[in-house]
Protein backbone atom coordinates (compact mmCIF):
# COMPACT_ATOMS: atom_id res chain seq x y z
CA PRO A 1 58.48 -15.10 64.65
CA LYS A 2 61.67 -13.89 66.19
CA LYS A 3 63.04 -10.36 66.16
CA ARG A 4 65.60 -11.26 63.49
CA ASP A 5 62.81 -12.47 61.15
CA TYR A 6 61.21 -9.02 61.21
CA ILE A 7 64.62 -7.37 60.75
CA TRP A 8 65.70 -9.46 57.75
CA CYS A 9 62.27 -9.27 56.14
CA GLY A 10 62.31 -5.47 56.01
CA PHE A 11 65.96 -5.25 55.00
CA PHE A 12 65.92 -7.76 52.15
CA ILE A 13 62.65 -6.59 50.61
CA ALA A 14 63.93 -3.00 50.46
CA LEU A 15 67.31 -4.11 49.14
CA ALA A 16 65.67 -6.21 46.43
CA ILE A 17 63.43 -3.33 45.38
CA GLN A 18 66.37 -0.94 45.22
CA THR A 19 68.39 -3.45 43.23
CA LYS A 20 65.70 -4.08 40.62
CA ILE A 21 62.52 -2.02 40.49
CA ASN A 22 60.49 -5.01 39.23
CA MET A 23 61.09 -6.67 42.57
CA VAL A 24 58.44 -4.37 44.00
CA ILE A 25 56.26 -7.46 43.44
CA LEU A 26 57.78 -8.87 46.63
CA PHE A 27 55.27 -6.69 48.45
CA VAL A 28 52.39 -8.83 47.24
CA PRO A 29 53.43 -12.15 48.84
CA SER A 30 54.83 -10.27 51.85
CA VAL A 31 51.43 -8.72 52.47
CA GLY A 32 49.94 -12.20 52.11
CA VAL A 33 52.30 -13.58 54.74
CA LEU A 34 51.57 -10.67 57.07
CA TYR A 35 47.84 -11.25 56.59
CA PHE A 36 48.13 -14.95 57.47
CA MET A 37 50.30 -14.10 60.48
CA TRP A 38 47.68 -11.57 61.63
CA LYS A 39 44.89 -14.08 61.03
CA ASN A 40 46.75 -16.77 63.02
CA ARG A 41 47.49 -14.20 65.75
CA THR A 42 51.28 -14.60 65.41
CA LEU A 43 51.89 -11.12 63.97
CA SER A 44 53.15 -8.43 66.29
CA LEU A 45 52.41 -5.00 64.83
CA ALA A 46 54.74 -3.51 67.41
CA SER A 47 57.56 -5.69 66.06
CA VAL A 48 56.74 -4.68 62.50
CA ALA A 49 56.89 -1.01 63.49
CA LYS A 50 59.96 -1.41 65.69
CA TYR A 51 62.10 -3.75 63.55
CA THR A 52 60.78 -4.19 60.01
CA ALA A 53 60.10 -0.54 59.14
CA PRO A 54 63.52 0.83 60.17
CA MET A 55 65.33 -2.03 58.44
CA PHE A 56 63.21 -1.42 55.35
CA VAL A 57 64.46 2.18 55.30
CA LEU A 58 68.04 0.99 55.90
CA GLY A 59 67.73 -1.46 53.00
CA PHE A 60 66.64 1.37 50.73
CA ILE A 61 69.60 3.49 51.83
CA ILE A 62 72.16 0.70 51.39
CA GLY A 63 70.67 -0.26 48.02
CA ASN A 64 70.82 3.37 46.82
CA PRO A 65 73.07 5.59 49.02
CA PRO A 66 72.28 8.86 47.16
CA VAL A 67 68.82 8.66 48.77
CA LEU A 68 70.45 10.11 51.90
CA PHE A 69 71.56 13.25 50.09
CA GLU A 70 68.37 14.04 48.16
CA PRO A 71 65.49 12.15 49.76
CA MET A 72 62.75 14.38 48.30
CA LYS A 73 64.05 13.88 44.76
CA PHE A 74 64.00 10.13 45.35
CA ILE A 75 60.45 10.20 46.77
CA ILE A 76 59.19 12.30 43.84
CA LYS A 77 60.79 9.92 41.33
CA PHE A 78 59.49 6.92 43.24
CA LEU A 79 55.94 8.25 43.28
CA GLY A 80 56.16 8.87 39.53
CA ILE A 81 57.46 5.35 39.08
CA SER A 82 56.28 4.98 35.48
CA GLY A 83 58.62 7.76 34.42
CA VAL A 84 61.74 6.41 36.11
CA TYR A 85 62.59 3.79 33.49
CA THR A 86 61.13 4.30 30.04
CA THR A 87 63.01 1.46 28.34
CA ALA A 88 65.08 -1.40 29.58
CA VAL A 89 68.82 -1.45 29.13
CA ASN A 90 68.73 -4.68 27.17
CA PHE A 91 65.60 -5.50 25.23
CA ASP A 92 64.34 -6.67 21.89
CA PRO A 93 61.31 -4.90 20.46
CA SER A 94 58.64 -7.54 20.07
CA PRO A 95 55.21 -7.58 18.46
CA GLN A 96 54.18 -10.09 21.12
CA ILE A 97 53.14 -8.77 24.48
CA GLY A 98 54.86 -10.16 27.54
CA PHE A 99 51.75 -12.07 28.63
CA LEU A 100 52.27 -14.36 25.66
CA ALA A 101 56.03 -14.07 25.22
CA TYR A 102 57.19 -15.06 28.72
CA PRO A 103 55.28 -18.36 28.91
CA LEU A 104 56.63 -19.19 25.44
CA LEU A 105 60.19 -18.30 26.49
CA TYR A 106 59.81 -20.37 29.65
CA THR A 107 58.53 -23.36 27.71
CA LYS A 108 61.27 -22.98 25.12
CA SER A 109 63.95 -22.77 27.84
CA MET A 110 62.61 -25.58 30.05
CA GLY A 111 61.09 -27.85 27.45
CA LEU A 112 57.53 -28.72 26.57
CA ILE A 113 57.13 -31.40 29.26
CA PHE A 114 58.32 -29.18 32.10
CA GLY A 115 56.29 -26.27 30.71
CA ALA A 116 53.17 -28.45 30.84
CA LEU A 117 54.06 -29.68 34.34
CA THR A 118 54.42 -26.06 35.45
CA LEU A 119 50.96 -25.19 34.17
CA ILE A 120 49.52 -28.27 35.86
CA GLY A 121 51.39 -27.41 39.09
CA ILE A 122 49.93 -23.90 39.12
CA VAL A 123 46.40 -25.19 38.52
CA TRP A 124 46.92 -27.93 41.13
CA ALA A 125 48.02 -25.35 43.71
CA ALA A 126 45.01 -23.16 42.90
CA PHE A 127 42.60 -26.04 43.54
CA ARG A 128 44.40 -27.48 46.58
CA ILE A 129 44.83 -24.19 48.36
CA ASN A 130 46.58 -23.64 51.69
CA GLN A 131 48.48 -20.68 53.13
CA LYS A 132 51.82 -21.66 51.60
CA ARG A 133 50.33 -22.14 48.14
CA VAL A 134 48.46 -18.83 48.37
CA VAL A 135 51.72 -16.97 48.99
CA PHE A 136 53.44 -18.78 46.10
CA LEU A 137 50.52 -18.08 43.76
CA MET A 138 50.46 -14.43 44.83
CA PHE A 139 54.12 -14.12 43.80
CA VAL A 140 53.51 -15.90 40.48
CA ALA A 141 50.48 -13.73 39.69
CA ALA A 142 52.22 -10.47 40.62
CA PHE A 143 55.34 -11.39 38.66
CA TYR A 144 53.30 -12.39 35.61
CA VAL A 145 51.34 -9.12 35.66
CA VAL A 146 54.44 -6.93 36.06
CA MET A 147 56.54 -8.75 33.46
CA GLY A 148 53.62 -9.41 31.13
CA ALA A 149 52.79 -5.74 30.90
CA THR A 150 56.18 -4.88 29.37
CA LYS A 151 56.08 -3.40 25.90
CA ASN A 152 59.59 -4.57 25.13
CA LEU A 153 60.49 -8.23 25.26
CA LEU A 154 63.15 -8.64 27.91
CA TYR A 155 65.51 -11.58 27.98
CA PRO A 156 64.54 -14.89 29.60
CA TYR A 157 66.90 -14.36 32.54
CA TYR A 158 64.42 -11.81 33.87
CA MET A 159 62.35 -14.85 34.89
CA ILE A 160 65.05 -16.03 37.30
CA PRO A 161 63.21 -14.83 40.45
CA LEU A 162 60.10 -16.72 39.35
CA VAL A 163 61.68 -20.06 38.44
CA PRO A 164 62.32 -21.40 41.99
CA ILE A 165 58.68 -20.77 42.90
CA LEU A 166 57.56 -22.59 39.75
CA TYR A 167 59.87 -25.51 40.62
CA ILE A 168 58.34 -25.68 44.09
CA LEU A 169 54.81 -25.75 42.62
CA VAL A 170 55.76 -28.50 40.14
CA MET A 171 57.43 -30.60 42.84
CA ASP A 172 54.44 -30.04 45.14
CA PHE A 173 52.19 -31.40 42.40
CA LEU A 174 54.46 -34.39 41.72
CA HIS A 175 54.76 -35.12 45.44
CA SER A 176 50.97 -35.07 45.78
CA VAL A 177 50.59 -37.42 42.80
CA ALA A 178 53.20 -39.78 44.28
CA ASN A 179 51.31 -39.77 47.59
CA LEU A 180 48.06 -40.56 45.80
CA TRP A 181 49.81 -43.36 43.92
CA ASN A 182 51.18 -44.84 47.15
CA ALA A 183 47.79 -44.56 48.87
CA THR A 184 46.04 -46.55 46.12
CA PRO A 185 45.37 -50.13 47.28
CA ARG A 186 47.18 -52.75 45.20
CA ILE A 187 46.22 -56.33 44.48
CA LYS A 188 48.84 -58.63 45.92
CA TYR A 189 49.58 -61.80 44.03
């Protein structure tokens, strides 16, 4: 990786977290990527310390400038993260927990066929594992746990960060099926 990759990684993760606290789930796939880079011996810890960490701090400051004026207050609130937001700004109280509600909302929004293809794509990725699929599945799992644990049913647009990853998993599955179909010998007449 180049120096700019480390810089942008730190900056955008911090900016995303400051923009929406639920985006803290970006840490999960980021740690997965760092692990695979370390395992493949392409990770430079010096570059992480020199470029990613300072840009991470800068992303936090740009995303929430008052952090500069009262950093200890921010750190204390951040460490007590469960007390920062007690309810969402826009929510509907729901007897269903998010673990059930979000898959239903996704299926309702995308349609039954695409909902089924998404489930198949996730299972397909879990059984045909590689580094790229592990990172995608880490994001899906972290997002599902964070959003599923909500006591208030948030609107479907909260799934927007997840949808591109689900599309990639569905298309990966369909691409693999198409490759299997093309590899099957045909009888020529």
